[in-house]
Amino acid sequence: MDRIFIDALRVEAWVGIYARERAARQTIEISLEFGVPDAAAQHDDIANTIDYAEVIARIRRELGERHFNLLETLGEYVVALLTEDFGAPWVKISIAKTGVARGVKRVGVAIERGTLS
């Protein structure tokens, strides 16, 4: 299986349980890897793969409109977008908040779903 990756996508999102996190969007960093059909490389046609520009636009739009208490829930939501709406058979995602704790660069979660063949 071929894979597409999107590394360090920065998104303004509503996420968190604390009052300061509910008052304004915060920047999160998302790295994704997802499976795509081998047919994309064989046919050199965007119709045979998942368009990463559409994935990026959709993630930005969806995360800008919804609030999530937990990064885990946000991650599962993005995984569902990729598997259900884009047809990815396998997804690996890491999501991090930046600058949320003194002396810590990033805090986040990693999720992997589906079958990698």
PDB file of N, CA and C in Angstrom:
ATOM      1  N   MET A   1       0.843  -1.178   0.000  1.00  0.00           N
ATOM      2  CA  MET A   1       0.000   0.000   0.000  1.00  0.00           C
ATOM      3  C   MET A   1       0.887   1.238   0.000  1.00  0.00           C
ATOM      4  N   ASP A   2       0.554   2.170  -0.861  1.00  0.00           N
ATOM      5  CA  ASP A   2       1.230   3.456  -0.855  1.00  0.00           C
ATOM      6  C   ASP A   2       0.641   4.309   0.260  1.00  0.00           C
ATOM      7  N   ARG A   3       1.409   5.300   0.695  1.00  0.00           N
ATOM      8  CA  ARG A   3       0.948   6.174   1.773  1.00  0.00           C
ATOM      9  C   ARG A   3       1.254   7.615   1.425  1.00  0.00           C
ATOM     10  N   ILE A   4       0.368   8.489   1.830  1.00  0.00           N
ATOM     11  CA  ILE A   4       0.585   9.928   1.739  1.00  0.00           C
ATOM     12  C   ILE A   4       0.839  10.422   3.152  1.00  0.00           C
ATOM     13  N   PHE A   5       1.755  11.363   3.286  1.00  0.00           N
ATOM     14  CA  PHE A   5       1.945  11.961   4.595  1.00  0.00           C
ATOM     15  C   PHE A   5       1.808  13.480   4.513  1.00  0.00           C
ATOM     16  N   ILE A   6       1.308  14.038   5.580  1.00  0.00           N
ATOM     17  CA  ILE A   6       1.212  15.484   5.760  1.00  0.00           C
ATOM     18  C   ILE A   6       1.888  15.753   7.098  1.00  0.00           C
ATOM     19  N   ASP A   7       2.962  16.499   7.077  1.00  0.00           N
ATOM     20  CA  ASP A   7       3.764  16.679   8.281  1.00  0.00           C
ATOM     21  C   ASP A   7       3.634  18.098   8.830  1.00  0.00           C
ATOM     22  N   ALA A   8       3.331  18.181  10.116  1.00  0.00           N
ATOM     23  CA  ALA A   8       3.300  19.447  10.858  1.00  0.00           C
ATOM     24  C   ALA A   8       2.300  20.462  10.293  1.00  0.00           C
ATOM     25  N   LEU A   9       1.113  19.995   9.982  1.00  0.00           N
ATOM     26  CA  LEU A   9       0.023  20.879   9.554  1.00  0.00           C
ATOM     27  C   LEU A   9      -0.430  21.689  10.765  1.00  0.00           C
ATOM     28  N   ARG A  10      -0.366  23.001  10.665  1.00  0.00           N
ATOM     29  CA  ARG A  10      -0.784  23.870  11.761  1.00  0.00           C
ATOM     30  C   ARG A  10      -2.217  24.329  11.502  1.00  0.00           C
ATOM     31  N   VAL A  11      -3.064  24.130  12.514  1.00  0.00           N
ATOM     32  CA  VAL A  11      -4.494  24.410  12.401  1.00  0.00           C
ATOM     33  C   VAL A  11      -4.949  25.183  13.636  1.00  0.00           C
ATOM     34  N   GLU A  12      -5.807  26.172  13.424  1.00  0.00           N
ATOM     35  CA  GLU A  12      -6.441  26.876  14.540  1.00  0.00           C
ATOM     36  C   GLU A  12      -7.691  26.087  14.907  1.00  0.00           C
ATOM     37  N   ALA A  13      -7.747  25.594  16.142  1.00  0.00           N
ATOM     38  CA  ALA A  13      -8.838  24.709  16.539  1.00  0.00           C
ATOM     39  C   ALA A  13      -9.368  25.067  17.922  1.00  0.00           C
ATOM     40  N   TRP A  14     -10.623  24.720  18.127  1.00  0.00           N
ATOM     41  CA  TRP A  14     -11.253  24.837  19.440  1.00  0.00           C
ATOM     42  C   TRP A  14     -11.057  23.507  20.146  1.00  0.00           C
ATOM     43  N   VAL A  15     -10.145  23.463  21.106  1.00  0.00           N
ATOM     44  CA  VAL A  15      -9.906  22.214  21.816  1.00  0.00           C
ATOM     45  C   VAL A  15      -9.411  22.507  23.222  1.00  0.00           C
ATOM     46  N   GLY A  16     -10.002  21.814  24.196  1.00  0.00           N
ATOM     47  CA  GLY A  16      -9.543  21.937  25.560  1.00  0.00           C
ATOM     48  C   GLY A  16     -10.672  22.027  26.562  1.00  0.00           C
ATOM     49  N   ILE A  17     -10.332  21.803  27.821  1.00  0.00           N
ATOM     50  CA  ILE A  17     -11.323  21.804  28.897  1.00  0.00           C
ATOM     51  C   ILE A  17     -11.207  23.028  29.799  1.00  0.00           C
ATOM     52  N   TYR A  18     -10.080  23.724  29.728  1.00  0.00           N
ATOM     53  CA  TYR A  18      -9.873  24.872  30.607  1.00  0.00           C
ATOM     54  C   TYR A  18     -10.506  26.129  30.022  1.00  0.00           C
ATOM     55  N   ALA A  19     -10.867  27.070  30.886  1.00  0.00           N
ATOM     56  CA  ALA A  19     -11.534  28.310  30.453  1.00  0.00           C
ATOM     57  C   ALA A  19     -10.719  29.041  29.393  1.00  0.00           C
ATOM     58  N   ARG A  20      -9.412  29.121  29.564  1.00  0.00           N
ATOM     59  CA  ARG A  20      -8.567  29.817  28.584  1.00  0.00           C
ATOM     60  C   ARG A  20      -8.598  29.120  27.220  1.00  0.00           C
ATOM     61  N   GLU A  21      -8.810  27.795  27.228  1.00  0.00           N
ATOM     62  CA  GLU A  21      -8.874  27.046  25.971  1.00  0.00           C
ATOM     63  C   GLU A  21     -10.239  27.186  25.301  1.00  0.00           C
ATOM     64  N   ARG A  22     -11.250  27.481  26.085  1.00  0.00           N
ATOM     65  CA  ARG A  22     -12.593  27.652  25.536  1.00  0.00           C
ATOM     66  C   ARG A  22     -12.823  29.075  25.042  1.00  0.00           C
ATOM     67  N   ALA A  23     -11.970  30.001  25.472  1.00  0.00           N
ATOM     68  CA  ALA A  23     -12.145  31.411  25.126  1.00  0.00           C
ATOM     69  C   ALA A  23     -11.656  31.739  23.720  1.00  0.00           C
ATOM     70  N   ALA A  24     -10.720  30.967  23.211  1.00  0.00           N
ATOM     71  CA  ALA A  24     -10.160  31.262  21.887  1.00  0.00           C
ATOM     72  C   ALA A  24      -9.601  29.985  21.269  1.00  0.00           C
ATOM     73  N   ARG A  25      -9.537  29.996  19.964  1.00  0.00           N
ATOM     74  CA  ARG A  25      -8.898  28.882  19.267  1.00  0.00           C
ATOM     75  C   ARG A  25      -7.417  28.863  19.628  1.00  0.00           C
ATOM     76  N   GLN A  26      -6.840  27.701  19.518  1.00  0.00           N
ATOM     77  CA  GLN A  26      -5.407  27.591  19.722  1.00  0.00           C
ATOM     78  C   GLN A  26      -4.782  26.822  18.569  1.00  0.00           C
ATOM     79  N   THR A  27      -3.521  27.074  18.347  1.00  0.00           N
ATOM     80  CA  THR A  27      -2.819  26.399  17.266  1.00  0.00           C
ATOM     81  C   THR A  27      -2.456  24.989  17.710  1.00  0.00           C
ATOM     82  N   ILE A  28      -2.826  24.032  16.889  1.00  0.00           N
ATOM     83  CA  ILE A  28      -2.401  22.660  17.109  1.00  0.00           C
ATOM     84  C   ILE A  28      -1.603  22.219  15.886  1.00  0.00           C
ATOM     85  N   GLU A  29      -0.807  21.216  16.081  1.00  0.00           N
ATOM     86  CA  GLU A  29       0.017  20.688  15.001  1.00  0.00           C
ATOM     87  C   GLU A  29      -0.384  19.246  14.748  1.00  0.00           C
ATOM     88  N   ILE A  30      -0.695  18.948  13.499  1.00  0.00           N
ATOM     89  CA  ILE A  30      -1.156  17.610  13.122  1.00  0.00           C
ATOM     90  C   ILE A  30      -0.194  17.015  12.094  1.00  0.00           C
ATOM     91  N   SER A  31       0.214  15.788  12.338  1.00  0.00           N
ATOM     92  CA  SER A  31       0.958  15.026  11.334  1.00  0.00           C
ATOM     93  C   SER A  31       0.145  13.782  11.026  1.00  0.00           C
ATOM     94  N   LEU A  32      -0.029  13.527   9.745  1.00  0.00           N
ATOM     95  CA  LEU A  32      -0.876  12.430   9.262  1.00  0.00           C
ATOM     96  C   LEU A  32      -0.096  11.546   8.303  1.00  0.00           C
ATOM     97  N   GLU A  33      -0.471  10.307   8.294  1.00  0.00           N
ATOM     98  CA  GLU A  33      -0.041   9.382   7.260  1.00  0.00           C
ATOM     99  C   GLU A  33      -1.249   8.508   6.980  1.00  0.00           C
ATOM    100  N   PHE A  34      -1.588   8.317   5.708  1.00  0.00           N
ATOM    101  CA  PHE A  34      -2.756   7.499   5.389  1.00  0.00           C
ATOM    102  C   PHE A  34      -2.529   6.711   4.113  1.00  0.00           C
ATOM    103  N   GLY A  35      -3.132   5.530   4.092  1.00  0.00           N
ATOM    104  CA  GLY A  35      -3.001   4.635   2.953  1.00  0.00           C
ATOM    105  C   GLY A  35      -3.825   5.095   1.768  1.00  0.00           C
ATOM    106  N   VAL A  36      -3.271   4.860   0.585  1.00  0.00           N
ATOM    107  CA  VAL A  36      -3.970   5.168  -0.672  1.00  0.00           C
ATOM    108  C   VAL A  36      -3.818   3.986  -1.623  1.00  0.00           C
ATOM    109  N   PRO A  37      -4.720   3.878  -2.582  1.00  0.00           N
ATOM    110  CA  PRO A  37      -4.631   2.763  -3.531  1.00  0.00           C
ATOM    111  C   PRO A  37      -3.348   2.804  -4.358  1.00  0.00           C
ATOM    112  N   ASP A  38      -2.783   1.648  -4.636  1.00  0.00           N
ATOM    113  CA  ASP A  38      -1.598   1.564  -5.495  1.00  0.00           C
ATOM    114  C   ASP A  38      -1.904   2.058  -6.905  1.00  0.00           C
ATOM    115  N   ALA A  39      -3.168   2.089  -7.276  1.00  0.00           N
ATOM    116  CA  ALA A  39      -3.575   2.510  -8.622  1.00  0.00           C
ATOM    117  C   ALA A  39      -3.168   3.943  -8.932  1.00  0.00           C
ATOM    118  N   ALA A  40      -3.008   4.760  -7.929  1.00  0.00           N
ATOM    119  CA  ALA A  40      -2.620   6.150  -8.159  1.00  0.00           C
ATOM    120  C   ALA A  40      -1.292   6.223  -8.904  1.00  0.00           C
ATOM    121  N   ALA A  41      -0.312   5.494  -8.441  1.00  0.00           N
ATOM    122  CA  ALA A  41       1.007   5.496  -9.088  1.00  0.00           C
ATOM    123  C   ALA A  41       0.961   4.816 -10.453  1.00  0.00           C
ATOM    124  N   GLN A  42       0.120   3.802 -10.587  1.00  0.00           N
ATOM    125  CA  GLN A  42       0.048   3.053 -11.839  1.00  0.00           C
ATOM    126  C   GLN A  42      -0.594   3.865 -12.960  1.00  0.00           C
ATOM    127  N   HIS A  43      -1.564   4.729 -12.604  1.00  0.00           N
ATOM    128  CA  HIS A  43      -2.335   5.442 -13.627  1.00  0.00           C
ATOM    129  C   HIS A  43      -2.025   6.934 -13.705  1.00  0.00           C
ATOM    130  N   ASP A  44      -1.248   7.451 -12.758  1.00  0.00           N
ATOM    131  CA  ASP A  44      -0.866   8.861 -12.756  1.00  0.00           C
ATOM    132  C   ASP A  44      -2.085   9.777 -12.855  1.00  0.00           C
ATOM    133  N   ASP A  45      -3.114   9.446 -12.055  1.00  0.00           N
ATOM    134  CA  ASP A  45      -4.385  10.166 -12.116  1.00  0.00           C
ATOM    135  C   ASP A  45      -4.872  10.468 -10.700  1.00  0.00           C
ATOM    136  N   ILE A  46      -5.142  11.719 -10.408  1.00  0.00           N
ATOM    137  CA  ILE A  46      -5.598  12.136  -9.080  1.00  0.00           C
ATOM    138  C   ILE A  46      -6.903  11.435  -8.683  1.00  0.00           C
ATOM    139  N   ALA A  47      -7.669  11.012  -9.659  1.00  0.00           N
ATOM    140  CA  ALA A  47      -8.930  10.322  -9.368  1.00  0.00           C
ATOM    141  C   ALA A  47      -8.706   8.969  -8.696  1.00  0.00           C
ATOM    142  N   ASN A  48      -7.482   8.446  -8.778  1.00  0.00           N
ATOM    143  CA  ASN A  48      -7.167   7.138  -8.202  1.00  0.00           C
ATOM    144  C   ASN A  48      -6.506   7.229  -6.831  1.00  0.00           C
ATOM    145  N   THR A  49      -6.544   8.383  -6.228  1.00  0.00           N
ATOM    146  CA  THR A  49      -5.885   8.545  -4.933  1.00  0.00           C
ATOM    147  C   THR A  49      -6.720   9.461  -4.045  1.00  0.00           C
ATOM    148  N   ILE A  50      -6.163   9.863  -2.918  1.00  0.00           N
ATOM    149  CA  ILE A  50      -6.797  10.827  -2.024  1.00  0.00           C
ATOM    150  C   ILE A  50      -6.058  12.142  -2.200  1.00  0.00           C
ATOM    151  N   ASP A  51      -6.772  13.184  -2.540  1.00  0.00           N
ATOM    152  CA  ASP A  51      -6.189  14.493  -2.796  1.00  0.00           C
ATOM    153  C   ASP A  51      -5.820  15.160  -1.470  1.00  0.00           C
ATOM    154  N   TYR A  52      -4.526  15.277  -1.207  1.00  0.00           N
ATOM    155  CA  TYR A  52      -4.100  15.828   0.085  1.00  0.00           C
ATOM    156  C   TYR A  52      -4.533  17.282   0.271  1.00  0.00           C
ATOM    157  N   ALA A  53      -4.690  18.043  -0.818  1.00  0.00           N
ATOM    158  CA  ALA A  53      -5.164  19.430  -0.695  1.00  0.00           C
ATOM    159  C   ALA A  53      -6.597  19.460  -0.163  1.00  0.00           C
ATOM    160  N   GLU A  54      -7.411  18.524  -0.621  1.00  0.00           N
ATOM    161  CA  GLU A  54      -8.788  18.424  -0.114  1.00  0.00           C
ATOM    162  C   GLU A  54      -8.794  17.993   1.354  1.00  0.00           C
ATOM    163  N   VAL A  55      -7.914  17.081   1.728  1.00  0.00           N
ATOM    164  CA  VAL A  55      -7.818  16.636   3.120  1.00  0.00           C
ATOM    165  C   VAL A  55      -7.453  17.820   4.013  1.00  0.00           C
ATOM    166  N   ILE A  56      -6.446  18.583   3.629  1.00  0.00           N
ATOM    167  CA  ILE A  56      -6.009  19.732   4.418  1.00  0.00           C
ATOM    168  C   ILE A  56      -7.127  20.753   4.570  1.00  0.00           C
ATOM    169  N   ALA A  57      -7.778  21.088   3.470  1.00  0.00           N
ATOM    170  CA  ALA A  57      -8.871  22.071   3.517  1.00  0.00           C
ATOM    171  C   ALA A  57     -10.007  21.592   4.414  1.00  0.00           C
ATOM    172  N   ARG A  58     -10.345  20.331   4.310  1.00  0.00           N
ATOM    173  CA  ARG A  58     -11.442  19.774   5.111  1.00  0.00           C
ATOM    174  C   ARG A  58     -11.102  19.780   6.602  1.00  0.00           C
ATOM    175  N   ILE A  59      -9.892  19.387   6.938  1.00  0.00           N
ATOM    176  CA  ILE A  59      -9.478  19.396   8.339  1.00  0.00           C
ATOM    177  C   ILE A  59      -9.532  20.815   8.893  1.00  0.00           C
ATOM    178  N   ARG A  60      -8.987  21.768   8.172  1.00  0.00           N
ATOM    179  CA  ARG A  60      -9.012  23.164   8.643  1.00  0.00           C
ATOM    180  C   ARG A  60     -10.439  23.653   8.848  1.00  0.00           C
ATOM    181  N   ARG A  61     -11.306  23.360   7.902  1.00  0.00           N
ATOM    182  CA  ARG A  61     -12.699  23.813   8.003  1.00  0.00           C
ATOM    183  C   ARG A  61     -13.415  23.159   9.186  1.00  0.00           C
ATOM    184  N   GLU A  62     -13.315  21.852   9.285  1.00  0.00           N
ATOM    185  CA  GLU A  62     -14.017  21.114  10.337  1.00  0.00           C
ATOM    186  C   GLU A  62     -13.522  21.502  11.732  1.00  0.00           C
ATOM    187  N   LEU A  63     -12.215  21.607  11.905  1.00  0.00           N
ATOM    188  CA  LEU A  63     -11.675  21.920  13.227  1.00  0.00           C
ATOM    189  C   LEU A  63     -11.889  23.378  13.606  1.00  0.00           C
ATOM    190  N   GLY A  64     -12.107  24.222  12.622  1.00  0.00           N
ATOM    191  CA  GLY A  64     -12.415  25.620  12.897  1.00  0.00           C
ATOM    192  C   GLY A  64     -13.852  25.839  13.338  1.00  0.00           C
ATOM    193  N   GLU A  65     -14.712  24.851  13.100  1.00  0.00           N
ATOM    194  CA  GLU A  65     -16.141  24.988  13.400  1.00  0.00           C
ATOM    195  C   GLU A  65     -16.589  24.227  14.645  1.00  0.00           C
ATOM    196  N   ARG A  66     -15.840  23.242  15.087  1.00  0.00           N
ATOM    197  CA  ARG A  66     -16.262  22.385  16.190  1.00  0.00           C
ATOM    198  C   ARG A  66     -15.368  22.573  17.406  1.00  0.00           C
ATOM    199  N   HIS A  67     -15.916  22.269  18.575  1.00  0.00           N
ATOM    200  CA  HIS A  67     -15.107  22.265  19.792  1.00  0.00           C
ATOM    201  C   HIS A  67     -14.955  20.828  20.286  1.00  0.00           C
ATOM    202  N   PHE A  68     -13.751  20.498  20.688  1.00  0.00           N
ATOM    203  CA  PHE A  68     -13.448  19.193  21.259  1.00  0.00           C
ATOM    204  C   PHE A  68     -12.849  19.414  22.639  1.00  0.00           C
ATOM    205  N   ASN A  69     -13.288  18.644  23.605  1.00  0.00           N
ATOM    206  CA  ASN A  69     -12.681  18.728  24.935  1.00  0.00           C
ATOM    207  C   ASN A  69     -11.286  18.118  24.941  1.00  0.00           C
ATOM    208  N   LEU A  70     -11.130  16.995  24.246  1.00  0.00           N
ATOM    209  CA  LEU A  70      -9.888  16.231  24.303  1.00  0.00           C
ATOM    210  C   LEU A  70      -9.238  16.077  22.931  1.00  0.00           C
ATOM    211  N   LEU A  71      -7.918  16.062  22.930  1.00  0.00           N
ATOM    212  CA  LEU A  71      -7.197  15.788  21.689  1.00  0.00           C
ATOM    213  C   LEU A  71      -7.520  14.394  21.171  1.00  0.00           C
ATOM    214  N   GLU A  72      -7.773  13.459  22.080  1.00  0.00           N
ATOM    215  CA  GLU A  72      -8.116  12.098  21.665  1.00  0.00           C
ATOM    216  C   GLU A  72      -9.391  12.090  20.818  1.00  0.00           C
ATOM    217  N   THR A  73     -10.380  12.856  21.234  1.00  0.00           N
ATOM    218  CA  THR A  73     -11.637  12.932  20.489  1.00  0.00           C
ATOM    219  C   THR A  73     -11.436  13.627  19.151  1.00  0.00           C
ATOM    220  N   LEU A  74     -10.664  14.707  19.156  1.00  0.00           N
ATOM    221  CA  LEU A  74     -10.344  15.407  17.916  1.00  0.00           C
ATOM    222  C   LEU A  74      -9.635  14.460  16.950  1.00  0.00           C
ATOM    223  N   GLY A  75      -8.689  13.689  17.463  1.00  0.00           N
ATOM    224  CA  GLY A  75      -7.964  12.738  16.620  1.00  0.00           C
ATOM    225  C   GLY A  75      -8.860  11.681  16.014  1.00  0.00           C
ATOM    226  N   GLU A  76      -9.749  11.137  16.811  1.00  0.00           N
ATOM    227  CA  GLU A  76     -10.690  10.132  16.295  1.00  0.00           C
ATOM    228  C   GLU A  76     -11.604  10.744  15.234  1.00  0.00           C
ATOM    229  N   TYR A  77     -11.965  12.002  15.407  1.00  0.00           N
ATOM    230  CA  TYR A  77     -12.802  12.690  14.419  1.00  0.00           C
ATOM    231  C   TYR A  77     -12.071  12.795  13.076  1.00  0.00           C
ATOM    232  N   VAL A  78     -10.808  13.191  13.112  1.00  0.00           N
ATOM    233  CA  VAL A  78     -10.027  13.303  11.877  1.00  0.00           C
ATOM    234  C   VAL A  78      -9.830  11.930  11.240  1.00  0.00           C
ATOM    235  N   VAL A  79      -9.569  10.925  12.049  1.00  0.00           N
ATOM    236  CA  VAL A  79      -9.431   9.564  11.519  1.00  0.00           C
ATOM    237  C   VAL A  79     -10.717   9.147  10.800  1.00  0.00           C
ATOM    238  N   ALA A  80     -11.871   9.431  11.403  1.00  0.00           N
ATOM    239  CA  ALA A  80     -13.155   9.087  10.776  1.00  0.00           C
ATOM    240  C   ALA A  80     -13.344   9.839   9.458  1.00  0.00           C
ATOM    241  N   LEU A  81     -12.940  11.095   9.400  1.00  0.00           N
ATOM    242  CA  LEU A  81     -13.022  11.836   8.132  1.00  0.00           C
ATOM    243  C   LEU A  81     -12.235  11.113   7.045  1.00  0.00           C
ATOM    244  N   LEU A  82     -11.027  10.704   7.381  1.00  0.00           N
ATOM    245  CA  LEU A  82     -10.179  10.063   6.382  1.00  0.00           C
ATOM    246  C   LEU A  82     -10.686   8.691   5.975  1.00  0.00           C
ATOM    247  N   THR A  83     -11.153   7.912   6.936  1.00  0.00           N
ATOM    248  CA  THR A  83     -11.604   6.556   6.596  1.00  0.00           C
ATOM    249  C   THR A  83     -12.987   6.561   5.955  1.00  0.00           C
ATOM    250  N   GLU A  84     -13.906   7.326   6.511  1.00  0.00           N
ATOM    251  CA  GLU A  84     -15.288   7.294   6.026  1.00  0.00           C
ATOM    252  C   GLU A  84     -15.519   8.195   4.815  1.00  0.00           C
ATOM    253  N   ASP A  85     -14.997   9.404   4.844  1.00  0.00           N
ATOM    254  CA  ASP A  85     -15.277  10.356   3.763  1.00  0.00           C
ATOM    255  C   ASP A  85     -14.275  10.274   2.612  1.00  0.00           C
ATOM    256  N   PHE A  86     -13.031   9.933   2.921  1.00  0.00           N
ATOM    257  CA  PHE A  86     -12.007   9.870   1.874  1.00  0.00           C
ATOM    258  C   PHE A  86     -11.628   8.437   1.490  1.00  0.00           C
ATOM    259  N   GLY A  87     -12.069   7.453   2.261  1.00  0.00           N
ATOM    260  CA  GLY A  87     -11.823   6.058   1.914  1.00  0.00           C
ATOM    261  C   GLY A  87     -10.435   5.527   2.231  1.00  0.00           C
ATOM    262  N   ALA A  88      -9.717   6.170   3.146  1.00  0.00           N
ATOM    263  CA  ALA A  88      -8.386   5.672   3.514  1.00  0.00           C
ATOM    264  C   ALA A  88      -8.528   4.382   4.326  1.00  0.00           C
ATOM    265  N   PRO A  89      -7.831   3.324   3.946  1.00  0.00           N
ATOM    266  CA  PRO A  89      -7.935   2.055   4.677  1.00  0.00           C
ATOM    267  C   PRO A  89      -7.113   2.032   5.967  1.00  0.00           C
ATOM    268  N   TRP A  90      -6.156   2.959   6.084  1.00  0.00           N
ATOM    269  CA  TRP A  90      -5.270   3.012   7.244  1.00  0.00           C
ATOM    270  C   TRP A  90      -4.894   4.461   7.505  1.00  0.00           C
ATOM    271  N   VAL A  91      -4.906   4.857   8.774  1.00  0.00           N
ATOM    272  CA  VAL A  91      -4.563   6.227   9.145  1.00  0.00           C
ATOM    273  C   VAL A  91      -3.705   6.212  10.401  1.00  0.00           C
ATOM    274  N   LYS A  92      -2.669   7.004  10.386  1.00  0.00           N
ATOM    275  CA  LYS A  92      -1.835   7.240  11.567  1.00  0.00           C
ATOM    276  C   LYS A  92      -1.780   8.755  11.743  1.00  0.00           C
ATOM    277  N   ILE A  93      -2.088   9.225  12.956  1.00  0.00           N
ATOM    278  CA  ILE A  93      -2.144  10.655  13.209  1.00  0.00           C
ATOM    279  C   ILE A  93      -1.496  10.977  14.543  1.00  0.00           C
ATOM    280  N   SER A  94      -0.804  12.094  14.590  1.00  0.00           N
ATOM    281  CA  SER A  94      -0.356  12.638  15.866  1.00  0.00           C
ATOM    282  C   SER A  94      -0.809  14.087  15.907  1.00  0.00           C
ATOM    283  N   ILE A  95      -1.295  14.488  17.066  1.00  0.00           N
ATOM    284  CA  ILE A  95      -1.824  15.835  17.258  1.00  0.00           C
ATOM    285  C   ILE A  95      -1.179  16.399  18.508  1.00  0.00           C
ATOM    286  N   ALA A  96      -0.707  17.636  18.414  1.00  0.00           N
ATOM    287  CA  ALA A  96      -0.049  18.240  19.567  1.00  0.00           C
ATOM    288  C   ALA A  96      -0.485  19.683  19.754  1.00  0.00           C
ATOM    289  N   LYS A  97      -0.628  20.051  21.029  1.00  0.00           N
ATOM    290  CA  LYS A  97      -0.770  21.448  21.406  1.00  0.00           C
ATOM    291  C   LYS A  97       0.646  21.960  21.644  1.00  0.00           C
ATOM    292  N   THR A  98       0.890  23.189  21.255  1.00  0.00           N
ATOM    293  CA  THR A  98       2.216  23.762  21.452  1.00  0.00           C
ATOM    294  C   THR A  98       2.159  24.828  22.537  1.00  0.00           C
ATOM    295  N   GLY A  99       3.206  24.883  23.328  1.00  0.00           N
ATOM    296  CA  GLY A  99       3.331  25.926  24.331  1.00  0.00           C
ATOM    297  C   GLY A  99       2.292  25.925  25.434  1.00  0.00           C
ATOM    298  N   VAL A 100       1.766  24.772  25.800  1.00  0.00           N
ATOM    299  CA  VAL A 100       0.716  24.728  26.828  1.00  0.00           C
ATOM    300  C   VAL A 100       1.252  24.509  28.241  1.00  0.00           C
ATOM    301  N   ALA A 101       2.496  24.100  28.349  1.00  0.00           N
ATOM    302  CA  ALA A 101       3.090  23.891  29.675  1.00  0.00           C
ATOM    303  C   ALA A 101       4.516  24.451  29.669  1.00  0.00           C
ATOM    304  N   ARG A 102       4.863  25.085  30.738  1.00  0.00           N
ATOM    305  CA  ARG A 102       6.192  25.686  30.844  1.00  0.00           C
ATOM    306  C   ARG A 102       7.273  24.613  30.700  1.00  0.00           C
ATOM    307  N   GLY A 103       8.222  24.889  29.827  1.00  0.00           N
ATOM    308  CA  GLY A 103       9.330  23.972  29.622  1.00  0.00           C
ATOM    309  C   GLY A 103       8.999  22.759  28.773  1.00  0.00           C
ATOM    310  N   VAL A 104       7.815  22.765  28.163  1.00  0.00           N
ATOM    311  CA  VAL A 104       7.394  21.646  27.314  1.00  0.00           C
ATOM    312  C   VAL A 104       7.080  22.196  25.926  1.00  0.00           C
ATOM    313  N   LYS A 105       7.718  21.639  24.910  1.00  0.00           N
ATOM    314  CA  LYS A 105       7.505  22.117  23.541  1.00  0.00           C
ATOM    315  C   LYS A 105       6.122  21.733  23.013  1.00  0.00           C
ATOM    316  N   ARG A 106       5.746  20.466  23.196  1.00  0.00           N
ATOM    317  CA  ARG A 106       4.472  19.982  22.666  1.00  0.00           C
ATOM    318  C   ARG A 106       3.904  18.911  23.583  1.00  0.00           C
ATOM    319  N   VAL A 107       2.573  18.846  23.639  1.00  0.00           N
ATOM    320  CA  VAL A 107       1.857  17.794  24.351  1.00  0.00           C
ATOM    321  C   VAL A 107       0.811  17.260  23.384  1.00  0.00           C
ATOM    322  N   GLY A 108       0.703  15.939  23.247  1.00  0.00           N
ATOM    323  CA  GLY A 108      -0.247  15.446  22.270  1.00  0.00           C
ATOM    324  C   GLY A 108      -0.580  13.975  22.396  1.00  0.00           C
ATOM    325  N   VAL A 109      -1.245  13.481  21.360  1.00  0.00           N
ATOM    326  CA  VAL A 109      -1.654  12.083  21.282  1.00  0.00           C
ATOM    327  C   VAL A 109      -1.304  11.528  19.904  1.00  0.00           C
ATOM    328  N   ALA A 110      -1.177  10.222  19.835  1.00  0.00           N
ATOM    329  CA  ALA A 110      -0.968   9.526  18.567  1.00  0.00           C
ATOM    330  C   ALA A 110      -1.994   8.408  18.473  1.00  0.00           C
ATOM    331  N   ILE A 111      -2.598   8.272  17.294  1.00  0.00           N
ATOM    332  CA  ILE A 111      -3.634   7.275  17.050  1.00  0.00           C
ATOM    333  C   ILE A 111      -3.330   6.581  15.731  1.00  0.00           C
ATOM    334  N   GLU A 112      -3.564   5.278  15.679  1.00  0.00           N
ATOM    335  CA  GLU A 112      -3.418   4.522  14.440  1.00  0.00           C
ATOM    336  C   GLU A 112      -4.626   3.606  14.310  1.00  0.00           C
ATOM    337  N   ARG A 113      -5.274   3.659  13.151  1.00  0.00           N
ATOM    338  CA  ARG A 113      -6.465   2.841  12.901  1.00  0.00           C
ATOM    339  C   ARG A 113      -6.400   2.235  11.495  1.00  0.00           C
ATOM    340  N   GLY A 114      -7.003   1.072  11.350  1.00  0.00           N
ATOM    341  CA  GLY A 114      -7.109   0.437  10.041  1.00  0.00           C
ATOM    342  C   GLY A 114      -6.051  -0.617   9.831  1.00  0.00           C
ATOM    343  N   THR A 115      -5.983  -1.077   8.596  1.00  0.00           N
ATOM    344  CA  THR A 115      -5.067  -2.148   8.233  1.00  0.00           C
ATOM    345  C   THR A 115      -4.072  -1.653   7.194  1.00  0.00           C
ATOM    346  N   LEU A 116      -2.817  -1.797   7.501  1.00  0.00           N
ATOM    347  CA  LEU A 116      -1.749  -1.440   6.580  1.00  0.00           C
ATOM    348  C   LEU A 116      -1.292  -2.711   5.894  1.00  0.00           C
ATOM    349  N   SER A 117      -1.466  -2.760   4.578  1.00  0.00           N
ATOM    350  CA  SER A 117      -1.072  -3.981   3.872  1.00  0.00           C
ATOM    351  C   SER A 117       0.014  -3.730   2.862  1.00  0.00           C
TER     352      SER A 117
END
